[in-house]
C-alpha cells in the first residue's frame, strides 16, 4: 500500500492568534480521519531556493480515501475557508512510499 501525504505550507500568516485558535480543531479532524502528523510547526529554515515559509505541516494517511473523506467534511471545509483568510496557504496531496 502506498501512503498519501497532505502537505500544508504557509508563506504568510496575517493573524497568528486566529490560526492558533483553529489549529487544534483542524488537527483533531485530521486525526479522526486517520491522519498522522509527521511535521507540524514553525519556524522553517530554507536551505535553498526562494520559497520562504512561516509554517508547514506534513500529514501521512494510509489511503487517498481517507484524505478524500476528510475534504468532504463540512466542518473541515469551513475551517479551511477560515484559515485561508488568516494565512496565505498552499496545500498539496501526493502519494509517496
C-alpha atoms as a PDB file:
ATOM      1  CA  UNK A   1       0.000   0.000   0.000  1.00  0.00           C
ATOM      2  CA  UNK A   2       1.233   3.480  -0.907  1.00  0.00           C
ATOM      3  CA  UNK A   3       0.932   6.197   1.727  1.00  0.00           C
ATOM      4  CA  UNK A   4      -0.639   9.540   0.869  1.00  0.00           C
ATOM      5  CA  UNK A   5       0.737  12.824   2.200  1.00  0.00           C
ATOM      6  CA  UNK A   6      -1.127  16.071   2.781  1.00  0.00           C
ATOM      7  CA  UNK A   7       1.403  18.924   2.748  1.00  0.00           C
ATOM      8  CA  UNK A   8       0.396  22.365   4.039  1.00  0.00           C
ATOM      9  CA  UNK A   9       2.677  25.366   3.500  1.00  0.00           C
ATOM     10  CA  UNK A  10       2.073  28.821   4.997  1.00  0.00           C
ATOM     11  CA  UNK A  11       4.088  31.583   3.355  1.00  0.00           C
ATOM     12  CA  UNK A  12       2.417  34.391   5.300  1.00  0.00           C
ATOM     13  CA  UNK A  13       0.309  34.437   8.467  1.00  0.00           C
ATOM     14  CA  UNK A  14      -1.669  37.657   8.982  1.00  0.00           C
ATOM     15  CA  UNK A  15      -3.407  36.560  12.196  1.00  0.00           C
ATOM     16  CA  UNK A  16      -1.265  34.180  14.306  1.00  0.00           C
ATOM     17  CA  UNK A  17      -3.807  34.164  17.144  1.00  0.00           C
ATOM     18  CA  UNK A  18      -6.611  33.296  14.739  1.00  0.00           C
ATOM     19  CA  UNK A  19      -4.572  30.457  13.277  1.00  0.00           C
ATOM     20  CA  UNK A  20      -3.781  29.161  16.752  1.00  0.00           C
ATOM     21  CA  UNK A  21      -7.484  29.238  17.634  1.00  0.00           C
ATOM     22  CA  UNK A  22      -8.441  26.849  14.810  1.00  0.00           C
ATOM     23  CA  UNK A  23      -5.304  24.677  14.647  1.00  0.00           C
ATOM     24  CA  UNK A  24      -6.410  22.222  17.332  1.00  0.00           C
ATOM     25  CA  UNK A  25      -9.808  21.703  15.687  1.00  0.00           C
ATOM     26  CA  UNK A  26      -8.181  21.101  12.309  1.00  0.00           C
ATOM     27  CA  UNK A  27      -5.688  18.656  13.832  1.00  0.00           C
ATOM     28  CA  UNK A  28      -8.475  16.790  15.632  1.00  0.00           C
ATOM     29  CA  UNK A  29     -10.382  16.322  12.361  1.00  0.00           C
ATOM     30  CA  UNK A  30      -7.223  15.202  10.567  1.00  0.00           C
ATOM     31  CA  UNK A  31      -6.524  12.591  13.245  1.00  0.00           C
ATOM     32  CA  UNK A  32     -10.158  11.425  13.254  1.00  0.00           C
ATOM     33  CA  UNK A  33      -9.733  10.584   9.561  1.00  0.00           C
ATOM     34  CA  UNK A  34      -6.566   8.570  10.094  1.00  0.00           C
ATOM     35  CA  UNK A  35      -4.008  11.327   9.563  1.00  0.00           C
ATOM     36  CA  UNK A  36      -0.687  11.247  11.428  1.00  0.00           C
ATOM     37  CA  UNK A  37       1.319  14.446  11.702  1.00  0.00           C
ATOM     38  CA  UNK A  38       4.933  13.876  10.673  1.00  0.00           C
ATOM     39  CA  UNK A  39       5.822  17.582  10.722  1.00  0.00           C
ATOM     40  CA  UNK A  40       3.839  20.429  12.255  1.00  0.00           C
ATOM     41  CA  UNK A  41       5.408  23.658  13.276  1.00  0.00           C
ATOM     42  CA  UNK A  42       7.336  26.798  12.795  1.00  0.00           C
ATOM     43  CA  UNK A  43       9.628  28.403  12.011  1.00  0.00           C
ATOM     44  CA  UNK A  44      11.031  26.812   8.895  1.00  0.00           C
ATOM     45  CA  UNK A  45      14.556  27.351   7.637  1.00  0.00           C
ATOM     46  CA  UNK A  46      15.188  27.457   3.890  1.00  0.00           C
ATOM     47  CA  UNK A  47      18.349  25.740   2.678  1.00  0.00           C
ATOM     48  CA  UNK A  48      17.917  26.527  -0.990  1.00  0.00           C
ATOM     49  CA  UNK A  49      15.541  28.127  -3.437  1.00  0.00           C
ATOM     50  CA  UNK A  50      13.377  31.154  -2.923  1.00  0.00           C
ATOM     51  CA  UNK A  51      10.373  29.737  -1.094  1.00  0.00           C
ATOM     52  CA  UNK A  52      10.015  31.490   2.253  1.00  0.00           C
ATOM     53  CA  UNK A  53       7.714  29.680   4.666  1.00  0.00           C
ATOM     54  CA  UNK A  54       6.432  30.684   8.069  1.00  0.00           C
ATOM     55  CA  UNK A  55       4.956  27.296   8.970  1.00  0.00           C
ATOM     56  CA  UNK A  56       4.486  23.852   7.481  1.00  0.00           C
ATOM     57  CA  UNK A  57       2.789  20.560   8.187  1.00  0.00           C
ATOM     58  CA  UNK A  58       3.088  17.119   6.625  1.00  0.00           C
ATOM     59  CA  UNK A  59       0.361  14.609   7.403  1.00  0.00           C
ATOM     60  CA  UNK A  60       0.518  10.936   6.440  1.00  0.00           C
ATOM     61  CA  UNK A  61      -2.599   8.928   5.553  1.00  0.00           C
ATOM     62  CA  UNK A  62      -2.900   5.260   4.673  1.00  0.00           C
ATOM     63  CA  UNK A  63      -5.084   5.899   1.632  1.00  0.00           C
ATOM     64  CA  UNK A  64      -6.443   8.515  -0.728  1.00  0.00           C
ATOM     65  CA  UNK A  65      -9.930   7.543   0.503  1.00  0.00           C
ATOM     66  CA  UNK A  66      -9.060   8.852   3.987  1.00  0.00           C
ATOM     67  CA  UNK A  67      -7.919  12.202   2.586  1.00  0.00           C
ATOM     68  CA  UNK A  68     -10.953  12.455   0.314  1.00  0.00           C
ATOM     69  CA  UNK A  69     -13.299  11.744   3.232  1.00  0.00           C
ATOM     70  CA  UNK A  70     -11.643  14.493   5.286  1.00  0.00           C
ATOM     71  CA  UNK A  71     -12.104  17.043   2.497  1.00  0.00           C
ATOM     72  CA  UNK A  72     -15.817  16.192   2.335  1.00  0.00           C
ATOM     73  CA  UNK A  73     -16.495  17.067   5.997  1.00  0.00           C
ATOM     74  CA  UNK A  74     -18.408  20.367   6.114  1.00  0.00           C
ATOM     75  CA  UNK A  75     -16.723  21.498   9.337  1.00  0.00           C
ATOM     76  CA  UNK A  76     -13.276  20.860   7.807  1.00  0.00           C
ATOM     77  CA  UNK A  77     -14.207  22.824   4.681  1.00  0.00           C
ATOM     78  CA  UNK A  78     -15.404  25.728   6.850  1.00  0.00           C
ATOM     79  CA  UNK A  79     -12.210  25.740   8.928  1.00  0.00           C
ATOM     80  CA  UNK A  80     -10.063  25.661   5.778  1.00  0.00           C
ATOM     81  CA  UNK A  81     -12.001  28.650   4.425  1.00  0.00           C
ATOM     82  CA  UNK A  82     -11.464  30.462   7.719  1.00  0.00           C
ATOM     83  CA  UNK A  83      -7.763  29.552   7.587  1.00  0.00           C
ATOM     84  CA  UNK A  84      -7.462  30.982   4.070  1.00  0.00           C
ATOM     85  CA  UNK A  85      -8.474  34.397   5.427  1.00  0.00           C
ATOM     86  CA  UNK A  86      -5.720  34.430   8.067  1.00  0.00           C
ATOM     87  CA  UNK A  87      -2.843  32.713   6.274  1.00  0.00           C
ATOM     88  CA  UNK A  88      -1.511  32.546   2.728  1.00  0.00           C
ATOM     89  CA  UNK A  89      -1.569  28.780   2.384  1.00  0.00           C
ATOM     90  CA  UNK A  90      -0.717  26.265  -0.308  1.00  0.00           C
ATOM     91  CA  UNK A  91      -1.745  22.652   0.150  1.00  0.00           C
ATOM     92  CA  UNK A  92      -0.879  19.524  -1.808  1.00  0.00           C
ATOM     93  CA  UNK A  93      -1.750  15.862  -1.766  1.00  0.00           C
ATOM     94  CA  UNK A  94       0.934  13.492  -3.004  1.00  0.00           C
ATOM     95  CA  UNK A  95       1.323   9.728  -2.998  1.00  0.00           C
ATOM     96  CA  UNK A  96       4.577   8.527  -1.523  1.00  0.00           C
ATOM     97  CA  UNK A  97       6.437   5.461  -0.342  1.00  0.00           C
END
